[in-house]
Amino acid sequence: MFYLGWILLTATGILSSIAVFIWALLTGQFSDQGRARYIPLAHGFPNPPVKNPSRLSAEVYVLLFVFVIGLLAMASSVVLTFVHMKG
């Protein structure tokens, strides 16, 4: 029973990593590898203007969701550890 929390934490981390990787593939994050190799050598690229700064994008909501899932997984492992210590 003690290992269930850590297994859940590991499984949540792996599943969220896979989900983020699939999202990156679907949105074309890896499409321009030629440009990506020179980014550290460049002086800087101008940032594109923000369309609507008062509205959060879908990526922000996805990142918040992943963050909350991670926090819940860590909290559940801590709770399960304390439950195991009492029983």
Protein backbone atom coordinates (compact mmCIF):
# COMPACT_ATOMS: atom_id res chain seq x y z
CA MET A 1 0.00 0.00 0.00
CA PHE A 2 2.92 2.33 0.68
CA TYR A 3 4.12 2.17 -2.91
CA LEU A 4 0.73 3.06 -4.40
CA GLY A 5 1.29 6.79 -3.92
CA TRP A 6 4.68 6.73 -5.57
CA ILE A 7 3.40 4.58 -8.41
CA LEU A 8 0.56 7.06 -8.96
CA LEU A 9 3.00 9.96 -8.91
CA THR A 10 5.28 8.25 -11.43
CA ALA A 11 2.39 7.23 -13.66
CA THR A 12 0.97 10.76 -13.59
CA GLY A 13 4.35 12.21 -14.51
CA ILE A 14 4.84 9.80 -17.37
CA LEU A 15 1.30 10.29 -18.71
CA SER A 16 1.54 14.06 -18.52
CA SER A 17 4.92 13.96 -20.28
CA ILE A 18 3.44 11.86 -23.07
CA ALA A 19 0.46 14.21 -23.34
CA VAL A 20 2.71 17.27 -23.60
CA PHE A 21 4.89 15.54 -26.20
CA ILE A 22 1.84 14.62 -28.30
CA TRP A 23 0.57 18.20 -27.99
CA ALA A 24 3.97 19.48 -29.18
CA LEU A 25 3.90 17.14 -32.17
CA LEU A 26 0.35 18.13 -33.12
CA THR A 27 0.99 21.88 -32.86
CA GLY A 28 4.22 21.73 -34.86
CA GLN A 29 6.66 22.63 -32.11
CA PHE A 30 9.37 20.49 -33.76
CA SER A 31 8.68 21.53 -37.35
CA ASP A 32 11.57 23.98 -37.87
CA GLN A 33 14.66 22.19 -36.61
CA GLY A 34 16.97 24.17 -38.89
CA ARG A 35 16.05 27.42 -37.14
CA ALA A 36 16.09 25.83 -33.69
CA ARG A 37 19.74 24.84 -33.93
CA TYR A 38 20.82 28.50 -34.36
CA ILE A 39 18.66 30.07 -31.64
CA PRO A 40 21.39 29.96 -28.94
CA LEU A 41 23.81 31.70 -31.32
CA ALA A 42 21.46 34.52 -32.31
CA HIS A 43 21.38 37.89 -30.61
CA GLY A 44 17.67 37.63 -30.22
CA PHE A 45 14.48 37.48 -32.16
CA PRO A 46 11.81 40.14 -31.79
CA ASN A 47 8.78 38.87 -29.95
CA PRO A 48 5.58 38.80 -31.97
CA PRO A 49 2.95 41.23 -30.75
CA VAL A 50 0.35 39.79 -28.40
CA LYS A 51 -3.08 39.72 -30.01
CA ASN A 52 -5.16 40.13 -26.87
CA PRO A 53 -3.05 40.35 -23.70
CA SER A 54 -6.05 40.36 -21.37
CA ARG A 55 -7.22 36.93 -22.56
CA LEU A 56 -5.31 33.78 -21.61
CA SER A 57 -4.49 31.37 -24.41
CA ALA A 58 -5.40 27.69 -24.51
CA GLU A 59 -1.79 26.75 -23.78
CA VAL A 60 -1.94 28.53 -20.43
CA TYR A 61 -5.03 26.57 -19.44
CA VAL A 62 -3.39 23.29 -20.49
CA LEU A 63 -0.26 24.11 -18.47
CA LEU A 64 -2.37 25.02 -15.44
CA PHE A 65 -4.27 21.75 -15.78
CA VAL A 66 -1.02 19.75 -15.94
CA PHE A 67 0.31 21.68 -12.93
CA VAL A 68 -2.83 20.95 -10.89
CA ILE A 69 -2.74 17.26 -11.83
CA GLY A 70 0.90 17.11 -10.71
CA LEU A 71 0.09 18.79 -7.41
CA LEU A 72 -2.79 16.40 -6.81
CA ALA A 73 -0.55 13.43 -7.54
CA MET A 74 2.09 14.65 -5.09
CA ALA A 75 -0.53 15.42 -2.45
CA SER A 76 -2.07 11.98 -2.86
CA SER A 77 1.31 10.31 -2.39
CA VAL A 78 1.91 12.29 0.79
CA VAL A 79 -1.57 11.48 2.11
CA LEU A 80 -1.14 7.80 1.31
CA THR A 81 2.23 7.83 3.08
CA PHE A 82 0.66 9.28 6.23
CA VAL A 83 -2.25 6.85 6.06
CA HIS A 84 0.20 3.97 5.78
CA MET A 85 2.19 5.24 8.78
CA LYS A 86 -0.94 5.28 10.98
CA GLY A 87 -2.18 1.86 9.91
